[in-house]
Amino acid sequence: MLVSVSPSDRQAILGYWSERFGVPSTILEGFRLLARGKNVWAIRDHTGLEETLAALKVEAAGLPLLRKRGGTWKPTTAALLWLGDAVDKNVVDLSEASIDFFLRGETLSGPFPVDGGYVAVRYTGAMLGCGLYGKAGLRSQLPRAWVETLLSGRPDVDEGA
């Protein structure tokens, strides 16, 4: 069952977005943060929300915001797309030469001007979603269906690659 995060967990989540990605903490004002297991969602807050969700036995509601992976927060691609221009820190801007390699799941060697860990990835100024940057380089963390959609719109891309 979904439950509202505690005030201290809310502050930690807002702090994560602010420190890691430069997102102002005010961007989630008016939203309730709900958690279940290792997942956190953001949903517009209103009177009676929690009671309604409990009565309906809702397991997921709103925008998937974060997931815990190995004790570390991982931003969802949906959240990064939604936050878009508010994300101004730990962002990798891909070049024309690297976009297809990234979308095919290949590791891009750096260096990139970001801290190690989960990063936001853009192409031509548009947010693509989440990547993971480490010693080996940058790897896509984009959902497979999102990658297939992006590749289907790319000219001269071999769909079988």
N, C-alpha and C. Protein backbone atom coordinates (compact mmCIF):
# COMPACT_ATOMS: atom_id res chain seq x y z
N MET A 1 0.84 -1.18 0.00
CA MET A 1 0.00 0.00 0.00
C MET A 1 0.88 1.25 0.00
N LEU A 2 0.45 2.25 -0.71
CA LEU A 2 1.15 3.53 -0.75
C LEU A 2 0.95 4.30 0.55
N VAL A 3 2.01 4.93 1.01
CA VAL A 3 1.92 5.79 2.18
C VAL A 3 2.69 7.08 1.90
N SER A 4 2.27 8.15 2.54
CA SER A 4 3.00 9.41 2.41
C SER A 4 4.36 9.27 3.07
N VAL A 5 5.36 9.85 2.45
CA VAL A 5 6.68 9.82 3.07
C VAL A 5 6.67 10.74 4.30
N SER A 6 7.51 10.46 5.25
CA SER A 6 7.61 11.28 6.45
C SER A 6 8.17 12.65 6.08
N PRO A 7 7.94 13.65 6.93
CA PRO A 7 8.53 14.96 6.65
C PRO A 7 10.06 14.92 6.49
N SER A 8 10.73 14.08 7.29
CA SER A 8 12.20 14.00 7.16
C SER A 8 12.61 13.32 5.85
N ASP A 9 11.85 12.30 5.44
CA ASP A 9 12.15 11.65 4.15
C ASP A 9 11.86 12.61 3.00
N ARG A 10 10.81 13.40 3.12
CA ARG A 10 10.49 14.39 2.09
C ARG A 10 11.65 15.37 1.95
N GLN A 11 12.17 15.85 3.06
CA GLN A 11 13.29 16.79 3.02
C GLN A 11 14.52 16.14 2.40
N ALA A 12 14.75 14.87 2.71
CA ALA A 12 15.89 14.15 2.13
C ALA A 12 15.72 14.00 0.61
N ILE A 13 14.51 13.71 0.17
CA ILE A 13 14.23 13.56 -1.27
C ILE A 13 14.41 14.89 -1.99
N LEU A 14 13.84 15.95 -1.43
CA LEU A 14 13.99 17.28 -2.02
C LEU A 14 15.47 17.69 -2.03
N GLY A 15 16.18 17.35 -0.95
CA GLY A 15 17.61 17.64 -0.88
C GLY A 15 18.39 16.89 -1.95
N TYR A 16 18.03 15.65 -2.18
CA TYR A 16 18.68 14.86 -3.23
C TYR A 16 18.52 15.55 -4.59
N TRP A 17 17.29 15.91 -4.94
CA TRP A 17 17.05 16.54 -6.24
C TRP A 17 17.80 17.87 -6.35
N SER A 18 17.83 18.61 -5.25
CA SER A 18 18.51 19.91 -5.26
C SER A 18 20.02 19.76 -5.36
N GLU A 19 20.60 18.92 -4.52
CA GLU A 19 22.06 18.76 -4.49
C GLU A 19 22.58 18.04 -5.72
N ARG A 20 21.91 17.01 -6.14
CA ARG A 20 22.40 16.19 -7.25
C ARG A 20 22.12 16.83 -8.61
N PHE A 21 20.94 17.43 -8.77
CA PHE A 21 20.52 17.89 -10.09
C PHE A 21 20.20 19.39 -10.16
N GLY A 22 20.36 20.10 -9.05
CA GLY A 22 20.12 21.54 -9.06
C GLY A 22 18.65 21.93 -9.15
N VAL A 23 17.75 20.99 -8.87
CA VAL A 23 16.32 21.26 -8.97
C VAL A 23 15.86 22.01 -7.72
N PRO A 24 15.21 23.17 -7.89
CA PRO A 24 14.73 23.91 -6.71
C PRO A 24 13.72 23.08 -5.92
N SER A 25 13.84 23.10 -4.60
CA SER A 25 12.94 22.30 -3.76
C SER A 25 11.49 22.76 -3.88
N THR A 26 11.28 23.98 -4.33
CA THR A 26 9.92 24.50 -4.47
C THR A 26 9.17 23.85 -5.63
N ILE A 27 9.87 23.17 -6.50
CA ILE A 27 9.22 22.59 -7.68
C ILE A 27 8.19 21.52 -7.30
N LEU A 28 8.35 20.92 -6.14
CA LEU A 28 7.41 19.87 -5.72
C LEU A 28 6.40 20.37 -4.69
N GLU A 29 6.30 21.70 -4.52
CA GLU A 29 5.25 22.24 -3.65
C GLU A 29 3.90 21.89 -4.24
N GLY A 30 2.97 21.50 -3.38
CA GLY A 30 1.64 21.12 -3.85
C GLY A 30 1.55 19.67 -4.26
N PHE A 31 2.65 18.94 -4.15
CA PHE A 31 2.66 17.52 -4.47
C PHE A 31 2.87 16.71 -3.21
N ARG A 32 2.18 15.60 -3.12
CA ARG A 32 2.39 14.65 -2.04
C ARG A 32 3.37 13.61 -2.56
N LEU A 33 4.33 13.23 -1.75
CA LEU A 33 5.27 12.17 -2.10
C LEU A 33 4.80 10.90 -1.42
N LEU A 34 4.59 9.88 -2.23
CA LEU A 34 4.10 8.59 -1.75
C LEU A 34 5.17 7.54 -1.96
N ALA A 35 5.22 6.58 -1.05
CA ALA A 35 6.23 5.53 -1.15
C ALA A 35 5.59 4.16 -0.98
N ARG A 36 6.21 3.21 -1.62
CA ARG A 36 5.88 1.80 -1.46
C ARG A 36 7.13 1.03 -1.81
N GLY A 37 7.64 0.29 -0.85
CA GLY A 37 8.89 -0.44 -1.08
C GLY A 37 10.02 0.51 -1.39
N LYS A 38 10.68 0.29 -2.51
CA LYS A 38 11.83 1.10 -2.91
C LYS A 38 11.46 2.21 -3.90
N ASN A 39 10.17 2.50 -4.06
CA ASN A 39 9.71 3.47 -5.05
C ASN A 39 9.03 4.66 -4.41
N VAL A 40 9.21 5.82 -5.04
CA VAL A 40 8.56 7.06 -4.59
C VAL A 40 7.87 7.70 -5.79
N TRP A 41 6.63 8.14 -5.58
CA TRP A 41 5.85 8.82 -6.60
C TRP A 41 5.50 10.23 -6.13
N ALA A 42 5.26 11.12 -7.07
CA ALA A 42 4.75 12.46 -6.78
C ALA A 42 3.35 12.56 -7.37
N ILE A 43 2.42 13.05 -6.58
CA ILE A 43 1.04 13.21 -7.04
C ILE A 43 0.49 14.51 -6.48
N ARG A 44 -0.32 15.21 -7.26
CA ARG A 44 -0.93 16.45 -6.78
C ARG A 44 -1.66 16.17 -5.48
N ASP A 45 -1.38 16.97 -4.48
CA ASP A 45 -1.99 16.77 -3.16
C ASP A 45 -3.39 17.39 -3.14
N HIS A 46 -4.29 16.75 -2.43
CA HIS A 46 -5.62 17.30 -2.18
C HIS A 46 -6.20 16.64 -0.95
N THR A 47 -7.19 17.26 -0.37
CA THR A 47 -7.83 16.74 0.83
C THR A 47 -8.40 15.36 0.56
N GLY A 48 -8.10 14.43 1.44
CA GLY A 48 -8.63 13.08 1.34
C GLY A 48 -7.87 12.17 0.41
N LEU A 49 -6.75 12.61 -0.11
CA LEU A 49 -5.99 11.80 -1.06
C LEU A 49 -5.58 10.45 -0.48
N GLU A 50 -4.97 10.49 0.69
CA GLU A 50 -4.47 9.24 1.27
C GLU A 50 -5.61 8.27 1.58
N GLU A 51 -6.73 8.77 2.07
CA GLU A 51 -7.88 7.92 2.38
C GLU A 51 -8.43 7.28 1.10
N THR A 52 -8.49 8.07 0.03
CA THR A 52 -8.98 7.56 -1.25
C THR A 52 -8.07 6.45 -1.77
N LEU A 53 -6.76 6.69 -1.73
CA LEU A 53 -5.81 5.69 -2.21
C LEU A 53 -5.89 4.41 -1.38
N ALA A 54 -6.05 4.55 -0.04
CA ALA A 54 -6.14 3.38 0.83
C ALA A 54 -7.43 2.61 0.56
N ALA A 55 -8.53 3.33 0.37
CA ALA A 55 -9.81 2.66 0.13
C ALA A 55 -9.79 1.88 -1.19
N LEU A 56 -9.07 2.40 -2.16
CA LEU A 56 -8.99 1.74 -3.46
C LEU A 56 -7.85 0.72 -3.54
N LYS A 57 -7.04 0.66 -2.49
CA LYS A 57 -5.89 -0.25 -2.42
C LYS A 57 -4.95 -0.02 -3.60
N VAL A 58 -4.66 1.25 -3.87
CA VAL A 58 -3.79 1.64 -4.97
C VAL A 58 -2.35 1.28 -4.65
N GLU A 59 -1.65 0.70 -5.61
CA GLU A 59 -0.27 0.31 -5.41
C GLU A 59 0.72 1.27 -6.05
N ALA A 60 0.27 2.09 -6.99
CA ALA A 60 1.12 3.08 -7.64
C ALA A 60 0.21 4.22 -8.10
N ALA A 61 0.67 5.46 -7.89
CA ALA A 61 -0.15 6.61 -8.29
C ALA A 61 0.75 7.80 -8.57
N GLY A 62 0.44 8.51 -9.61
CA GLY A 62 1.20 9.72 -9.91
C GLY A 62 2.41 9.43 -10.77
N LEU A 63 3.37 10.33 -10.67
CA LEU A 63 4.59 10.25 -11.46
C LEU A 63 5.67 9.48 -10.70
N PRO A 64 6.23 8.41 -11.28
CA PRO A 64 7.34 7.73 -10.60
C PRO A 64 8.52 8.69 -10.52
N LEU A 65 8.99 8.94 -9.31
CA LEU A 65 10.00 9.97 -9.08
C LEU A 65 11.39 9.39 -8.85
N LEU A 66 11.46 8.41 -7.97
CA LEU A 66 12.75 7.82 -7.59
C LEU A 66 12.58 6.34 -7.27
N ARG A 67 13.70 5.61 -7.38
CA ARG A 67 13.77 4.22 -6.92
C ARG A 67 15.05 4.07 -6.13
N LYS A 68 15.02 3.25 -5.11
CA LYS A 68 16.23 2.94 -4.35
C LYS A 68 16.91 1.76 -5.03
N ARG A 69 18.17 1.93 -5.34
CA ARG A 69 18.97 0.85 -5.92
C ARG A 69 20.25 0.75 -5.12
N GLY A 70 20.41 -0.35 -4.43
CA GLY A 70 21.63 -0.55 -3.64
C GLY A 70 21.87 0.55 -2.63
N GLY A 71 20.81 1.06 -2.03
CA GLY A 71 20.94 2.10 -1.03
C GLY A 71 21.12 3.50 -1.60
N THR A 72 21.06 3.64 -2.94
CA THR A 72 21.22 4.92 -3.60
C THR A 72 19.95 5.27 -4.35
N TRP A 73 19.59 6.54 -4.35
CA TRP A 73 18.45 6.97 -5.14
C TRP A 73 18.79 6.95 -6.62
N LYS A 74 17.85 6.46 -7.42
CA LYS A 74 17.96 6.51 -8.88
C LYS A 74 16.76 7.30 -9.39
N PRO A 75 17.02 8.41 -10.09
CA PRO A 75 15.89 9.16 -10.65
C PRO A 75 15.27 8.38 -11.80
N THR A 76 13.96 8.48 -11.92
CA THR A 76 13.32 7.82 -13.06
C THR A 76 13.44 8.72 -14.29
N THR A 77 13.43 8.09 -15.43
CA THR A 77 13.43 8.85 -16.68
C THR A 77 12.18 9.72 -16.75
N ALA A 78 11.05 9.21 -16.28
CA ALA A 78 9.81 10.00 -16.29
C ALA A 78 9.99 11.29 -15.48
N ALA A 79 10.61 11.19 -14.32
CA ALA A 79 10.82 12.38 -13.48
C ALA A 79 11.77 13.35 -14.16
N LEU A 80 12.84 12.86 -14.76
CA LEU A 80 13.79 13.74 -15.44
C LEU A 80 13.13 14.43 -16.63
N LEU A 81 12.29 13.72 -17.36
CA LEU A 81 11.56 14.33 -18.48
C LEU A 81 10.62 15.42 -17.96
N TRP A 82 9.94 15.14 -16.89
CA TRP A 82 8.99 16.09 -16.30
C TRP A 82 9.71 17.33 -15.77
N LEU A 83 10.82 17.12 -15.10
CA LEU A 83 11.57 18.25 -14.52
C LEU A 83 12.34 19.04 -15.57
N GLY A 84 12.72 18.37 -16.65
CA GLY A 84 13.34 18.99 -17.81
C GLY A 84 14.33 20.10 -17.55
N ASP A 85 13.94 21.34 -17.87
CA ASP A 85 14.84 22.48 -17.77
C ASP A 85 15.23 22.83 -16.34
N ALA A 86 14.50 22.33 -15.35
CA ALA A 86 14.86 22.59 -13.96
C ALA A 86 16.12 21.83 -13.56
N VAL A 87 16.46 20.80 -14.32
CA VAL A 87 17.67 20.02 -14.06
C VAL A 87 18.84 20.76 -14.71
N ASP A 88 19.75 21.25 -13.87
CA ASP A 88 20.87 22.01 -14.44
C ASP A 88 22.23 21.60 -13.85
N LYS A 89 22.27 20.47 -13.20
CA LYS A 89 23.51 19.98 -12.60
C LYS A 89 23.62 18.48 -12.88
N ASN A 90 24.84 18.00 -13.09
CA ASN A 90 25.08 16.59 -13.41
C ASN A 90 24.29 16.16 -14.64
N VAL A 91 24.44 16.99 -15.68
CA VAL A 91 23.78 16.75 -16.97
C VAL A 91 24.85 16.49 -18.03
N VAL A 92 24.67 15.42 -18.79
CA VAL A 92 25.53 15.12 -19.93
C VAL A 92 24.76 15.48 -21.19
N ASP A 93 25.37 16.33 -22.01
CA ASP A 93 24.79 16.67 -23.30
C ASP A 93 25.46 15.83 -24.37
N LEU A 94 24.70 14.95 -24.99
CA LEU A 94 25.25 14.05 -26.01
C LEU A 94 25.41 14.77 -27.34
N SER A 95 26.42 14.37 -28.07
CA SER A 95 26.67 14.92 -29.40
C SER A 95 25.98 14.06 -30.45
N GLU A 96 25.93 14.58 -31.65
CA GLU A 96 25.38 13.82 -32.79
C GLU A 96 26.15 12.51 -32.98
N ALA A 97 27.46 12.56 -32.74
CA ALA A 97 28.31 11.38 -32.94
C ALA A 97 28.06 10.29 -31.88
N SER A 98 27.53 10.67 -30.71
CA SER A 98 27.40 9.70 -29.63
C SER A 98 25.98 9.22 -29.36
N ILE A 99 24.98 9.91 -29.86
CA ILE A 99 23.60 9.60 -29.49
C ILE A 99 23.19 8.17 -29.85
N ASP A 100 23.48 7.71 -31.05
CA ASP A 100 23.05 6.37 -31.45
C ASP A 100 23.76 5.28 -30.63
N PHE A 101 25.04 5.48 -30.32
CA PHE A 101 25.76 4.52 -29.48
C PHE A 101 25.11 4.43 -28.10
N PHE A 102 24.79 5.59 -27.54
CA PHE A 102 24.15 5.64 -26.22
C PHE A 102 22.80 4.92 -26.25
N LEU A 103 21.99 5.21 -27.25
CA LEU A 103 20.67 4.61 -27.34
C LEU A 103 20.73 3.09 -27.54
N ARG A 104 21.79 2.62 -28.18
CA ARG A 104 21.95 1.17 -28.38
C ARG A 104 22.53 0.48 -27.15
N GLY A 105 22.79 1.24 -26.09
CA GLY A 105 23.26 0.65 -24.85
C GLY A 105 24.76 0.52 -24.73
N GLU A 106 25.50 1.12 -25.65
CA GLU A 106 26.96 1.05 -25.57
C GLU A 106 27.46 2.05 -24.53
N THR A 107 28.57 1.72 -23.89
CA THR A 107 29.17 2.60 -22.90
C THR A 107 30.00 3.66 -23.61
N LEU A 108 29.73 4.93 -23.27
CA LEU A 108 30.47 6.05 -23.85
C LEU A 108 31.60 6.42 -22.90
N SER A 109 32.82 6.45 -23.42
CA SER A 109 33.93 6.84 -22.56
C SER A 109 33.90 8.34 -22.36
N GLY A 110 34.33 8.76 -21.19
CA GLY A 110 34.33 10.19 -20.85
C GLY A 110 35.64 10.82 -21.26
N PRO A 111 36.04 11.81 -20.55
CA PRO A 111 35.36 12.27 -19.34
C PRO A 111 34.18 13.17 -19.67
N PHE A 112 33.24 13.22 -18.74
CA PHE A 112 32.11 14.13 -18.83
C PHE A 112 32.16 15.03 -17.60
N PRO A 113 31.70 16.26 -17.71
CA PRO A 113 31.78 17.20 -16.60
C PRO A 113 30.67 17.00 -15.56
N VAL A 114 30.60 15.79 -15.01
CA VAL A 114 29.58 15.44 -14.02
C VAL A 114 30.22 14.61 -12.91
N ASP A 115 29.51 14.52 -11.80
CA ASP A 115 29.94 13.63 -10.72
C ASP A 115 29.54 12.20 -11.07
N GLY A 116 30.28 11.24 -10.57
CA GLY A 116 29.94 9.85 -10.79
C GLY A 116 28.59 9.51 -10.18
N GLY A 117 27.91 8.57 -10.78
CA GLY A 117 26.59 8.14 -10.30
C GLY A 117 25.54 8.40 -11.36
N TYR A 118 24.30 8.47 -10.91
CA TYR A 118 23.21 8.71 -11.85
C TYR A 118 23.24 10.16 -12.32
N VAL A 119 23.06 10.33 -13.63
CA VAL A 119 23.11 11.65 -14.25
C VAL A 119 21.91 11.82 -15.19
N ALA A 120 21.62 13.06 -15.50
CA ALA A 120 20.60 13.36 -16.50
C ALA A 120 21.29 13.43 -17.86
N VAL A 121 20.61 12.99 -18.90
CA VAL A 121 21.19 12.97 -20.24
C VAL A 121 20.27 13.74 -21.18
N ARG A 122 20.88 14.66 -21.94
CA ARG A 122 20.15 15.46 -22.92
C ARG A 122 20.77 15.27 -24.30
N TYR A 123 19.96 15.60 -25.29
CA TYR A 123 20.43 15.63 -26.68
C TYR A 123 19.74 16.81 -27.36
N THR A 124 20.51 17.64 -27.99
CA THR A 124 20.04 18.88 -28.64
C THR A 124 19.13 19.70 -27.72
N GLY A 125 19.50 19.74 -26.44
CA GLY A 125 18.77 20.54 -25.47
C GLY A 125 17.55 19.87 -24.88
N ALA A 126 17.17 18.70 -25.38
CA ALA A 126 15.98 18.00 -24.88
C ALA A 126 16.40 16.87 -23.95
N MET A 127 15.70 16.75 -22.84
CA MET A 127 16.00 15.70 -21.87
C MET A 127 15.65 14.34 -22.45
N LEU A 128 16.61 13.40 -22.35
CA LEU A 128 16.37 12.01 -22.76
C LEU A 128 16.00 11.16 -21.56
N GLY A 129 16.66 11.41 -20.41
CA GLY A 129 16.39 10.62 -19.23
C GLY A 129 17.65 10.36 -18.44
N CYS A 130 17.74 9.17 -17.87
CA CYS A 130 18.77 8.83 -16.90
C CYS A 130 19.91 8.03 -17.52
N GLY A 131 21.11 8.35 -17.06
CA GLY A 131 22.31 7.59 -17.40
C GLY A 131 23.08 7.29 -16.13
N LEU A 132 24.03 6.39 -16.22
CA LEU A 132 24.90 6.06 -15.08
C LEU A 132 26.34 6.29 -15.52
N TYR A 133 27.02 7.17 -14.79
CA TYR A 133 28.39 7.52 -15.13
C TYR A 133 29.34 6.99 -14.06
N GLY A 134 30.34 6.23 -14.51
CA GLY A 134 31.33 5.68 -13.60
C GLY A 134 32.68 5.56 -14.29
N LYS A 135 33.57 4.79 -13.72
CA LYS A 135 34.92 4.64 -14.26
C LYS A 135 34.92 4.12 -15.69
N ALA A 136 33.98 3.23 -16.00
CA ALA A 136 33.91 2.65 -17.35
C ALA A 136 33.35 3.63 -18.37
N GLY A 137 32.62 4.64 -17.90
CA GLY A 137 32.02 5.62 -18.81
C GLY A 137 30.55 5.82 -18.51
N LEU A 138 29.82 6.28 -19.52
CA LEU A 138 28.40 6.59 -19.39
C LEU A 138 27.57 5.49 -20.04
N ARG A 139 26.61 4.96 -19.28
CA ARG A 139 25.70 3.93 -19.78
C ARG A 139 24.26 4.41 -19.65
N SER A 140 23.46 4.04 -20.62
CA SER A 140 22.05 4.39 -20.61
C SER A 140 21.32 3.64 -19.51
N GLN A 141 20.40 4.34 -18.87
CA GLN A 141 19.48 3.75 -17.91
C GLN A 141 18.04 3.99 -18.37
N LEU A 142 17.90 4.27 -19.67
CA LEU A 142 16.59 4.56 -20.24
C LEU A 142 15.76 3.28 -20.35
N PRO A 143 14.47 3.38 -20.10
CA PRO A 143 13.61 2.20 -20.29
C PRO A 143 13.63 1.74 -21.75
N ARG A 144 13.60 0.44 -21.94
CA ARG A 144 13.69 -0.15 -23.28
C ARG A 144 12.63 0.43 -24.23
N ALA A 145 11.39 0.56 -23.75
CA ALA A 145 10.32 1.08 -24.62
C ALA A 145 10.62 2.52 -25.05
N TRP A 146 11.20 3.32 -24.16
CA TRP A 146 11.55 4.71 -24.49
C TRP A 146 12.66 4.72 -25.53
N VAL A 147 13.64 3.83 -25.38
CA VAL A 147 14.74 3.74 -26.35
C VAL A 147 14.19 3.34 -27.72
N GLU A 148 13.30 2.36 -27.76
CA GLU A 148 12.72 1.93 -29.04
C GLU A 148 11.97 3.07 -29.71
N THR A 149 11.26 3.86 -28.93
CA THR A 149 10.55 5.02 -29.48
C THR A 149 11.54 6.03 -30.04
N LEU A 150 12.59 6.32 -29.30
CA LEU A 150 13.59 7.28 -29.75
C LEU A 150 14.30 6.79 -31.01
N LEU A 151 14.67 5.52 -31.03
CA LEU A 151 15.36 4.97 -32.20
C LEU A 151 14.46 4.94 -33.43
N SER A 152 13.18 4.72 -33.23
CA SER A 152 12.27 4.64 -34.38
C SER A 152 12.16 5.99 -35.10
N GLY A 153 12.46 7.06 -34.41
CA GLY A 153 12.42 8.38 -35.02
C GLY A 153 13.75 8.87 -35.57
N ARG A 154 14.80 8.04 -35.43
CA ARG A 154 16.14 8.43 -35.89
C ARG A 154 16.33 7.99 -37.33
N PRO A 155 16.78 8.89 -38.20
CA PRO A 155 17.08 8.49 -39.59
C PRO A 155 18.34 7.64 -39.65
N ASP A 156 18.40 6.77 -40.64
CA ASP A 156 19.61 5.98 -40.91
C ASP A 156 20.06 5.14 -39.73
N VAL A 157 19.12 4.63 -38.96
CA VAL A 157 19.47 3.77 -37.82
C VAL A 157 19.05 2.36 -38.17
N ASP A 158 19.95 1.41 -38.02
CA ASP A 158 19.64 0.02 -38.25
C ASP A 158 18.89 -0.51 -37.04
N GLU A 159 17.62 -0.82 -37.20
CA GLU A 159 16.78 -1.27 -36.09
C GLU A 159 17.29 -2.56 -35.46
N GLY A 160 18.02 -3.35 -36.16
CA GLY A 160 18.53 -4.61 -35.63
C GLY A 160 19.84 -4.46 -34.88
N ALA A 161 20.41 -3.28 -34.87
CA ALA A 161 21.71 -3.08 -34.21
C ALA A 161 21.57 -3.13 -32.72
